[in-house]
Amino acid sequence: MLTRYWIRFREPIPIDALRLGCGVTARSADDAMSLLREKVFRGVAFTVADMEADIDVSRIEDLRIRPNMGVVVWRGIWFPLGYD
């Protein structure tokens, strides 16, 4: 079973596109972290500030996020686009 996660990072955030957070669908929290390490950060150090499981994407109100999301029901990075 897949779970949607919304992840926020502590400053300094090494990738500017992640200042709003990152949306990941994964098998588990550990799987989500593996996807982040492999597809987004690629060896760059990062620290998670908050990781919300079972995120309801209809609650995301930031107008910069919703129109720029990928498919949230497939395993992978769905926000920001370009990391899958």
N, C-alpha and C. Protein backbone atom coordinates (compact mmCIF):
# COMPACT_ATOMS: atom_id res chain seq x y z
N MET A 1 0.84 -1.18 0.00
CA MET A 1 0.00 0.00 0.00
C MET A 1 0.89 1.25 0.00
N LEU A 2 0.49 2.24 -0.77
CA LEU A 2 1.27 3.48 -0.86
C LEU A 2 0.67 4.56 0.02
N THR A 3 1.55 5.42 0.52
CA THR A 3 1.15 6.54 1.38
C THR A 3 1.72 7.82 0.79
N ARG A 4 0.92 8.88 0.82
CA ARG A 4 1.39 10.20 0.39
C ARG A 4 2.01 10.92 1.59
N TYR A 5 3.18 11.50 1.37
CA TYR A 5 3.88 12.26 2.42
C TYR A 5 4.12 13.68 1.93
N TRP A 6 4.02 14.62 2.87
CA TRP A 6 4.45 15.99 2.61
C TRP A 6 5.61 16.24 3.56
N ILE A 7 6.75 16.62 2.99
CA ILE A 7 7.99 16.73 3.76
C ILE A 7 8.51 18.15 3.68
N ARG A 8 8.84 18.70 4.84
CA ARG A 8 9.47 20.03 4.93
C ARG A 8 10.88 19.84 5.46
N PHE A 9 11.75 20.74 5.06
CA PHE A 9 13.17 20.62 5.39
C PHE A 9 13.63 21.77 6.27
N ARG A 10 14.66 21.48 7.06
CA ARG A 10 15.27 22.53 7.89
C ARG A 10 16.23 23.36 7.05
N GLU A 11 16.34 24.61 7.43
CA GLU A 11 17.32 25.50 6.79
C GLU A 11 18.72 25.06 7.20
N PRO A 12 19.72 25.24 6.38
CA PRO A 12 19.63 25.70 5.00
C PRO A 12 19.13 24.58 4.09
N ILE A 13 18.24 24.92 3.20
CA ILE A 13 17.70 23.95 2.25
C ILE A 13 18.59 24.01 1.01
N PRO A 14 19.27 22.89 0.71
CA PRO A 14 20.27 22.92 -0.36
C PRO A 14 19.70 23.07 -1.77
N ILE A 15 18.42 22.82 -1.96
CA ILE A 15 17.80 22.92 -3.28
C ILE A 15 16.65 23.91 -3.19
N ASP A 16 16.78 25.03 -3.89
CA ASP A 16 15.81 26.12 -3.78
C ASP A 16 14.38 25.69 -4.08
N ALA A 17 14.19 24.76 -5.01
CA ALA A 17 12.85 24.31 -5.40
C ALA A 17 12.11 23.63 -4.25
N LEU A 18 12.80 23.28 -3.18
CA LEU A 18 12.19 22.56 -2.06
C LEU A 18 11.80 23.47 -0.90
N ARG A 19 11.87 24.76 -1.07
CA ARG A 19 11.53 25.69 0.02
C ARG A 19 10.09 25.55 0.47
N LEU A 20 9.19 25.16 -0.44
CA LEU A 20 7.78 24.97 -0.08
C LEU A 20 7.53 23.59 0.51
N GLY A 21 8.44 22.67 0.30
CA GLY A 21 8.28 21.29 0.75
C GLY A 21 8.39 20.35 -0.43
N CYS A 22 8.15 19.07 -0.15
CA CYS A 22 8.27 18.05 -1.18
C CYS A 22 7.17 17.02 -0.99
N GLY A 23 6.51 16.64 -2.06
CA GLY A 23 5.48 15.62 -2.02
C GLY A 23 6.02 14.30 -2.54
N VAL A 24 5.85 13.24 -1.75
CA VAL A 24 6.37 11.92 -2.11
C VAL A 24 5.29 10.88 -1.83
N THR A 25 5.11 9.95 -2.74
CA THR A 25 4.26 8.79 -2.49
C THR A 25 5.19 7.59 -2.41
N ALA A 26 5.07 6.84 -1.31
CA ALA A 26 6.00 5.74 -1.06
C ALA A 26 5.35 4.62 -0.27
N ARG A 27 6.06 3.50 -0.17
CA ARG A 27 5.56 2.34 0.57
C ARG A 27 5.61 2.55 2.08
N SER A 28 6.55 3.39 2.52
CA SER A 28 6.74 3.66 3.95
C SER A 28 7.53 4.96 4.08
N ALA A 29 7.67 5.44 5.31
CA ALA A 29 8.47 6.64 5.55
C ALA A 29 9.92 6.40 5.14
N ASP A 30 10.44 5.21 5.44
CA ASP A 30 11.81 4.88 5.03
C ASP A 30 11.95 4.88 3.51
N ASP A 31 10.95 4.35 2.83
CA ASP A 31 10.96 4.34 1.37
C ASP A 31 10.92 5.77 0.82
N ALA A 32 10.14 6.64 1.45
CA ALA A 32 10.08 8.05 1.04
C ALA A 32 11.45 8.71 1.19
N MET A 33 12.13 8.42 2.29
CA MET A 33 13.46 8.99 2.51
C MET A 33 14.45 8.45 1.48
N SER A 34 14.33 7.18 1.13
CA SER A 34 15.20 6.60 0.10
C SER A 34 14.98 7.28 -1.25
N LEU A 35 13.72 7.53 -1.59
CA LEU A 35 13.41 8.23 -2.84
C LEU A 35 14.02 9.63 -2.84
N LEU A 36 13.92 10.33 -1.71
CA LEU A 36 14.51 11.67 -1.62
C LEU A 36 16.02 11.62 -1.82
N ARG A 37 16.69 10.68 -1.13
CA ARG A 37 18.14 10.57 -1.25
C ARG A 37 18.56 10.23 -2.68
N GLU A 38 17.83 9.32 -3.31
CA GLU A 38 18.19 8.82 -4.64
C GLU A 38 17.83 9.79 -5.76
N LYS A 39 16.63 10.34 -5.73
CA LYS A 39 16.13 11.11 -6.88
C LYS A 39 16.25 12.62 -6.74
N VAL A 40 16.27 13.11 -5.51
CA VAL A 40 16.26 14.56 -5.32
C VAL A 40 17.63 15.06 -4.86
N PHE A 41 18.10 14.58 -3.74
CA PHE A 41 19.31 15.15 -3.14
C PHE A 41 20.60 14.58 -3.70
N ARG A 42 20.61 13.33 -4.14
CA ARG A 42 21.77 12.71 -4.81
C ARG A 42 23.09 13.01 -4.11
N GLY A 43 23.17 12.69 -2.84
CA GLY A 43 24.41 12.85 -2.09
C GLY A 43 24.54 14.15 -1.33
N VAL A 44 23.64 15.10 -1.54
CA VAL A 44 23.67 16.37 -0.81
C VAL A 44 22.99 16.16 0.54
N ALA A 45 23.61 16.65 1.60
CA ALA A 45 23.05 16.50 2.95
C ALA A 45 21.78 17.33 3.11
N PHE A 46 20.82 16.76 3.83
CA PHE A 46 19.57 17.47 4.12
C PHE A 46 19.03 16.99 5.45
N THR A 47 18.19 17.82 6.07
CA THR A 47 17.56 17.47 7.34
C THR A 47 16.07 17.71 7.23
N VAL A 48 15.30 16.70 7.59
CA VAL A 48 13.84 16.81 7.56
C VAL A 48 13.36 17.53 8.81
N ALA A 49 12.52 18.54 8.63
CA ALA A 49 11.93 19.26 9.76
C ALA A 49 10.60 18.64 10.16
N ASP A 50 9.84 18.19 9.15
CA ASP A 50 8.50 17.66 9.41
C ASP A 50 8.11 16.73 8.26
N MET A 51 7.47 15.62 8.61
CA MET A 51 7.02 14.66 7.60
C MET A 51 5.59 14.27 7.95
N GLU A 52 4.65 14.71 7.13
CA GLU A 52 3.23 14.43 7.37
C GLU A 52 2.78 13.29 6.47
N ALA A 53 2.27 12.21 7.07
CA ALA A 53 1.80 11.05 6.32
C ALA A 53 0.32 11.21 5.99
N ASP A 54 -0.12 10.52 4.96
CA ASP A 54 -1.52 10.52 4.53
C ASP A 54 -2.02 11.93 4.22
N ILE A 55 -1.18 12.72 3.60
CA ILE A 55 -1.56 14.09 3.28
C ILE A 55 -2.74 14.10 2.30
N ASP A 56 -3.71 14.91 2.60
CA ASP A 56 -4.86 15.10 1.72
C ASP A 56 -4.51 16.26 0.79
N VAL A 57 -4.21 15.94 -0.46
CA VAL A 57 -3.74 16.99 -1.37
C VAL A 57 -4.77 18.08 -1.62
N SER A 58 -6.03 17.80 -1.36
CA SER A 58 -7.04 18.84 -1.53
C SER A 58 -6.90 19.93 -0.47
N ARG A 59 -6.15 19.65 0.61
CA ARG A 59 -5.91 20.64 1.67
C ARG A 59 -4.77 21.58 1.35
N ILE A 60 -3.99 21.25 0.35
CA ILE A 60 -2.85 22.10 0.00
C ILE A 60 -3.40 23.37 -0.63
N GLU A 61 -3.19 24.47 0.05
CA GLU A 61 -3.79 25.73 -0.38
C GLU A 61 -2.83 26.63 -1.14
N ASP A 62 -1.55 26.36 -1.05
CA ASP A 62 -0.58 27.21 -1.73
C ASP A 62 -0.78 27.11 -3.24
N LEU A 63 -1.07 28.22 -3.87
CA LEU A 63 -1.39 28.24 -5.30
C LEU A 63 -0.20 27.88 -6.18
N ARG A 64 0.99 27.87 -5.60
CA ARG A 64 2.17 27.48 -6.39
C ARG A 64 2.33 25.97 -6.42
N ILE A 65 1.69 25.26 -5.50
CA ILE A 65 1.90 23.81 -5.40
C ILE A 65 0.91 23.02 -6.24
N ARG A 66 -0.36 23.21 -6.01
CA ARG A 66 -1.37 22.35 -6.65
C ARG A 66 -1.28 22.30 -8.17
N PRO A 67 -1.09 23.42 -8.86
CA PRO A 67 -1.01 23.32 -10.33
C PRO A 67 0.28 22.68 -10.82
N ASN A 68 1.24 22.50 -9.93
CA ASN A 68 2.56 21.98 -10.32
C ASN A 68 2.85 20.62 -9.72
N MET A 69 1.81 19.87 -9.39
CA MET A 69 1.97 18.54 -8.81
C MET A 69 1.91 17.49 -9.91
N GLY A 70 2.66 16.41 -9.70
CA GLY A 70 2.56 15.25 -10.58
C GLY A 70 1.46 14.32 -10.07
N VAL A 71 1.54 13.07 -10.48
CA VAL A 71 0.54 12.07 -10.10
C VAL A 71 0.82 11.60 -8.68
N VAL A 72 -0.15 11.77 -7.79
CA VAL A 72 0.06 11.46 -6.37
C VAL A 72 -0.26 10.02 -6.00
N VAL A 73 -0.79 9.24 -6.93
CA VAL A 73 -1.14 7.85 -6.62
C VAL A 73 -0.07 6.87 -7.08
N TRP A 74 0.98 7.36 -7.73
CA TRP A 74 2.09 6.52 -8.15
C TRP A 74 3.27 6.73 -7.21
N ARG A 75 4.05 5.70 -7.00
CA ARG A 75 5.24 5.81 -6.16
C ARG A 75 6.23 6.77 -6.82
N GLY A 76 6.68 7.76 -6.05
CA GLY A 76 7.67 8.69 -6.55
C GLY A 76 7.49 10.09 -6.00
N ILE A 77 8.27 11.00 -6.55
CA ILE A 77 8.25 12.41 -6.16
C ILE A 77 7.20 13.10 -7.02
N TRP A 78 6.19 13.70 -6.40
CA TRP A 78 5.15 14.40 -7.18
C TRP A 78 5.20 15.91 -7.03
N PHE A 79 5.97 16.40 -6.09
CA PHE A 79 6.22 17.85 -6.01
C PHE A 79 7.58 18.06 -5.36
N PRO A 80 8.41 18.89 -5.94
CA PRO A 80 8.23 19.58 -7.21
C PRO A 80 8.42 18.61 -8.38
N LEU A 81 7.94 19.03 -9.52
CA LEU A 81 8.06 18.21 -10.72
C LEU A 81 9.53 18.12 -11.16
N GLY A 82 9.85 17.05 -11.87
CA GLY A 82 11.18 16.94 -12.46
C GLY A 82 12.13 16.00 -11.75
N TYR A 83 11.66 15.32 -10.72
CA TYR A 83 12.54 14.43 -9.96
C TYR A 83 12.18 12.96 -10.10
N ASP A 84 11.33 12.61 -11.04
CA ASP A 84 10.97 11.19 -11.18
C ASP A 84 11.45 10.57 -12.45
